C-alpha atoms as a PDB file:
ATOM      1  CA  GLN A   1      11.139 -14.741 -14.302  1.00  0.00           C
ATOM      2  CA  LEU A   2       8.225 -13.765 -11.978  1.00  0.00           C
ATOM      3  CA  VAL A   3      10.730 -12.252  -9.492  1.00  0.00           C
ATOM      4  CA  PHE A   4      12.322 -10.274 -12.258  1.00  0.00           C
ATOM      5  CA  LEU A   5       9.051  -9.054 -13.591  1.00  0.00           C
ATOM      6  CA  VAL A   6       7.539  -7.964 -10.276  1.00  0.00           C
ATOM      7  CA  THR A   7      10.791  -6.319  -9.297  1.00  0.00           C
ATOM      8  CA  ARG A   8      10.944  -4.393 -12.530  1.00  0.00           C
ATOM      9  CA  PHE A   9       7.351  -3.356 -12.183  1.00  0.00           C
ATOM     10  CA  VAL A  10       7.953  -1.870  -8.718  1.00  0.00           C
ATOM     11  CA  GLN A  11      11.170  -0.201 -10.002  1.00  0.00           C
ATOM     12  CA  SER A  12       9.269   1.469 -12.829  1.00  0.00           C
ATOM     13  CA  LEU A  13       6.619   2.663 -10.460  1.00  0.00           C
ATOM     14  CA  LEU A  14       9.322   4.215  -8.213  1.00  0.00           C
ATOM     15  CA  LYS A  15      10.742   6.096 -11.187  1.00  0.00           C
ATOM     16  CA  MET A  16       7.502   8.140 -11.321  1.00  0.00           C
ATOM     17  CA  ASP A  17       8.568   9.881  -8.146  1.00  0.00           C
ATOM     18  CA  ARG A  18       5.244   9.300  -6.449  1.00  0.00           C
ATOM     19  CA  PRO A  19       4.480   7.538  -3.221  1.00  0.00           C
ATOM     20  CA  ILE A  20       3.647   3.861  -3.467  1.00  0.00           C
ATOM     21  CA  MET A  21       2.017   1.612  -0.949  1.00  0.00           C
ATOM     22  CA  LEU A  22       1.886  -2.179  -1.597  1.00  0.00           C
ATOM     23  CA  THR A  23      -0.578  -4.080   0.542  1.00  0.00           C
ATOM     24  CA  LEU A  24      -1.040  -7.869   0.858  1.00  0.00           C
ATOM     25  CA  ASP A  25      -3.685  -9.514   2.968  1.00  0.00           C
ATOM     26  CA  ASP A  26      -3.623 -13.023   4.467  1.00  0.00           C
ATOM     27  CA  PHE A  27       0.200 -13.066   4.285  1.00  0.00           C
ATOM     28  CA  GLN A  28       0.185 -15.990   6.752  1.00  0.00           C
ATOM     29  CA  TRP A  29      -0.670 -18.277   3.833  1.00  0.00           C
ATOM     30  CA  ALA A  30       2.227 -17.143   1.642  1.00  0.00           C
ATOM     31  CA  ASP A  31       4.892 -19.692   0.897  1.00  0.00           C
ATOM     32  CA  ALA A  32       8.616 -19.041   1.421  1.00  0.00           C
ATOM     33  CA  LEU A  33       9.188 -18.064  -2.231  1.00  0.00           C
ATOM     34  CA  THR A  34       6.522 -15.398  -2.167  1.00  0.00           C
ATOM     35  CA  ILE A  35       7.717 -14.007   1.161  1.00  0.00           C
ATOM     36  CA  ASP A  36      11.250 -13.803  -0.203  1.00  0.00           C
ATOM     37  CA  LEU A  37       9.965 -12.100  -3.322  1.00  0.00           C
ATOM     38  CA  VAL A  38       8.059  -9.426  -1.452  1.00  0.00           C
ATOM     39  CA  LEU A  39      10.167  -8.947   1.679  1.00  0.00           C
ATOM     40  CA  GLY A  40      13.483  -9.734   0.012  1.00  0.00           C
ATOM     41  CA  ASP A  41      13.781  -8.887  -3.685  1.00  0.00           C
ATOM     42  CA  ILE A  42      11.169  -6.069  -3.900  1.00  0.00           C
ATOM     43  CA  LEU A  43      12.430  -4.319  -0.728  1.00  0.00           C
ATOM     44  CA  SER A  44      16.028  -4.699  -1.816  1.00  0.00           C
ATOM     45  CA  SER A  45      15.131  -3.109  -5.130  1.00  0.00           C
ATOM     46  CA  VAL A  46      13.493  -0.161  -3.330  1.00  0.00           C
ATOM     47  CA  PHE A  47      16.539   0.371  -1.067  1.00  0.00           C
ATOM     48  CA  ASP A  48      18.972  -0.012  -4.056  1.00  0.00           C
ATOM     49  CA  GLN A  49      17.156   2.868  -5.779  1.00  0.00           C
ATOM     50  CA  LYS A  50      17.237   4.968  -2.632  1.00  0.00           C
ATOM     51  CA  LYS A  51      13.472   5.421  -2.825  1.00  0.00           C
ATOM     52  CA  SER A  52      12.461   4.009   0.494  1.00  0.00           C
ATOM     53  CA  ASP A  53      11.096   7.313   1.628  1.00  0.00           C
ATOM     54  CA  ARG A  54       8.295   6.897  -0.987  1.00  0.00           C
ATOM     55  CA  PHE A  55       7.499   3.218  -0.486  1.00  0.00           C
ATOM     56  CA  MET A  56       5.405   1.584   2.131  1.00  0.00           C
ATOM     57  CA  PHE A  57       4.556  -2.074   2.363  1.00  0.00           C
ATOM     58  CA  VAL A  58       1.602  -3.205   4.493  1.00  0.00           C
ATOM     59  CA  GLY A  59       1.311  -6.884   5.107  1.00  0.00           C
ATOM     60  CA  MET A  60      -1.649  -8.196   7.007  1.00  0.00           C
ATOM     61  CA  TYR A  61      -1.545 -11.626   8.637  1.00  0.00           C
ATOM     62  CA  ARG A  62      -3.085 -13.601  11.476  1.00  0.00           C
ATOM     63  CA  ASP A  63      -0.510 -13.573  14.231  1.00  0.00           C
ATOM     64  CA  ASP A  64      -1.971 -16.770  15.736  1.00  0.00           C
ATOM     65  CA  GLU A  65      -0.842 -18.608  12.595  1.00  0.00           C
ATOM     66  CA  VAL A  66       2.621 -17.101  12.279  1.00  0.00           C
ATOM     67  CA  PHE A  67       5.156 -18.173  14.897  1.00  0.00           C
ATOM     68  CA  GLY A  68       8.333 -20.144  15.351  1.00  0.00           C
ATOM     69  CA  GLU A  69       9.638 -21.557  12.101  1.00  0.00           C
ATOM     70  CA  HIS A  70       6.939 -20.023   9.857  1.00  0.00           C
ATOM     71  CA  PRO A  71       8.791 -18.362   6.905  1.00  0.00           C
ATOM     72  CA  LEU A  72       7.101 -15.015   7.568  1.00  0.00           C
ATOM     73  CA  SER A  73       8.073 -15.035  11.228  1.00  0.00           C
ATOM     74  CA  MET A  74      11.707 -15.763  10.310  1.00  0.00           C
ATOM     75  CA  LYS A  75      11.782 -13.057   7.504  1.00  0.00           C
ATOM     76  CA  LEU A  76      10.320 -10.408   9.796  1.00  0.00           C
ATOM     77  CA  SER A  77      12.947 -11.276  12.407  1.00  0.00           C
ATOM     78  CA  ASN A  78      15.701 -11.003   9.836  1.00  0.00           C
ATOM     79  CA  LEU A  79      14.356  -7.594   8.645  1.00  0.00           C
ATOM     80  CA  ARG A  80      14.318  -6.242  12.255  1.00  0.00           C
ATOM     81  CA  GLN A  81      17.863  -7.417  12.848  1.00  0.00           C
ATOM     82  CA  SER A  82      19.174  -6.046   9.606  1.00  0.00           C
ATOM     83  CA  GLY A  83      18.009  -2.502  10.323  1.00  0.00           C
ATOM     84  CA  ASN A  84      17.219  -1.980   6.633  1.00  0.00           C
ATOM     85  CA  ALA A  85      13.505  -1.604   7.130  1.00  0.00           C
ATOM     86  CA  ASN A  86      11.272  -0.094   9.806  1.00  0.00           C
ATOM     87  CA  VAL A  87       9.112  -2.972  10.874  1.00  0.00           C
ATOM     88  CA  THR A  88       6.087  -1.972  12.866  1.00  0.00           C
ATOM     89  CA  GLU A  89       3.508  -4.409  14.042  1.00  0.00           C
ATOM     90  CA  ILE A  90       0.023  -3.299  15.021  1.00  0.00           C
ATOM     91  CA  PRO A  91      -1.969  -6.081  16.738  1.00  0.00           C
ATOM     92  CA  LEU A  92      -5.700  -5.922  16.271  1.00  0.00           C
ATOM     93  CA  ASP A  93      -8.269  -7.839  18.238  1.00  0.00           C
ATOM     94  CA  GLY A  94     -11.118  -9.715  16.592  1.00  0.00           C
ATOM     95  CA  PHE A  95     -14.679  -8.529  16.589  1.00  0.00           C
ATOM     96  CA  SER A  96     -16.813  -9.279  19.603  1.00  0.00           C
ATOM     97  CA  LYS A  97     -20.396 -10.518  19.199  1.00  0.00           C
ATOM     98  CA  ARG A  98     -21.550  -7.000  20.126  1.00  0.00           C
ATOM     99  CA  ASP A  99     -19.396  -5.461  17.378  1.00  0.00           C
ATOM    100  CA  ILE A 100     -20.872  -7.801  14.781  1.00  0.00           C
ATOM    101  CA  THR A 101     -24.392  -7.155  16.017  1.00  0.00           C
ATOM    102  CA  ASP A 102     -23.826  -3.397  15.771  1.00  0.00           C
ATOM    103  CA  MET A 103     -22.577  -3.738  12.175  1.00  0.00           C
ATOM    104  CA  ILE A 104     -25.558  -5.827  11.134  1.00  0.00           C
END
């Protein structure tokens, strides 16, 4: 039921004909069901409605924790191969001691 409710929620937002950006942080901790919900069911719903030009998903994760058989790694690979979504990865470096000192 959760999958149905979340998918319907996104579908109703898309009917408003306004841009939508969904962001999730710490995606490396998501389980396979959550990853399938977000990167499977929700994105499929967006593409089915032909509204992908107004939808952006930004998922943030620690790349040193996502590799090999991790569900997120496998789902991203499947998305790239399918060609249904534009998958762009932007690697970010951590803060140096100098950066942290400057912020404090």
